[in-house]
């Protein structure tokens, strides 16, 4: 078990240098950015495909929204804190690339929003290319009939940040598609990202990593897993609408088990893209095909191949012994949840826990919360090493200890066989959320 800093070799897990990008307007107390998260191999494999990144990023506004370009000034920029965990599969290339570049895509998406986010008034409907020209936010320029619009939809600053993060994930995925051959971007990765900006924490998840807040003993889920089971209906709907993606090899319908030829003509339990319950249908020849979604729990698979349905990369992934691509069924878009730090008083024991599935496969939310309470209570509140110790305790607890029958947890169940990565983010943060 090792703690690793930035490394250039793709096969090594790394935590990005916690670089503070100089820029005006940074929070004076930078202790938050320096409290370490830890990325630790479970100790059972030669290489760790998990990657991590922790950065403080300065965003300089692209230009003035309401007028001609201005010279940059210290008041024009924004700073955001960034943490990312990237759980690679089928190679570490995608996770390595995402850990180095995703925060840059987020920064680019925020450049147009710097002045808007600093202005308490509602966001403008349009960003003008040149003031007063058609297509600008000039109210005198009206396009099309307005009778069907009784009012304009309310768009919040928060939703603009969410949209920027969503677009950044898509652009990161598109970059992987373009550069996968020249830069050996093999495999794919789940991505769990946290952005702290203007008093709010944005948790973006694409994959089966998860995040929870432990606040005064209360557990607040900040993400959910995206697996073939949790996204069954989305996958089935896509297979129903675009049967060509199934290649004549798969059926979009789900059955309790694989249909046998001898059961043709019988009525069997099934469910389709519109159903949460089960019903009976007459088995037809097409139902003998392999189901698009099969298995349960950690054994659930899309096209009998992959166990996650959202993430980055996987552009070369195909069904085994087939040329049928799986990427059309995989989404790169994250679900983004928002937590407003300014709405609560936080003590030093309130933390945001990020973990790859190597942690959550064997550790429940309540067990994590209990570990938070147990470990932090043994340290002084102002001791930053308490959070490093907590990350270590969670990883070691999920890994287990070696015994005659493999790595075991205290309850004698198998420990995690996956790479385990954890970030602990104290919600006390920089001490000033303004």
Foldseek 3Di string as FASTA:
>chain_A
DDFADDDDDLQAAHEYDLDEDDAAPDQPQCVQSVLDFTFFFLPQDDGALKYKYKYKDKAAAPADQQAGGDDTDRLQIWIKIKIKIKHFDQGNQANVLCRVPLVVQLSVLCNNCRVVLVDPDFRQPARDPHPPDPRGSPVVRDDDDCPVPPDDDGDDPVVSSLVSSQVSLVVSQVVCVVCCVVRVRDGWIWMWMWMATLQKIKIWTFAQWFKWKQAPNDIHGFAHHAWCVVCLLVLQVVCVVCVVLVVLQEHSKDFPDQDDPVQQQPWGWIDGSVDPDIDIDHDDPSSNHHYQWDDDDQCIDGLNPDTGQETHDQQCDDRPPDNRGDVVRHYSGTDMDMDRLVVDDGALLIKMKIKGVLQVVQAPSSNLSVLSVVQLVVDDSPDSCSQVVSSVVSSDQQSAPQDPVGHAHPVRDHHRPHGMTMGIRGSCRSVDSD
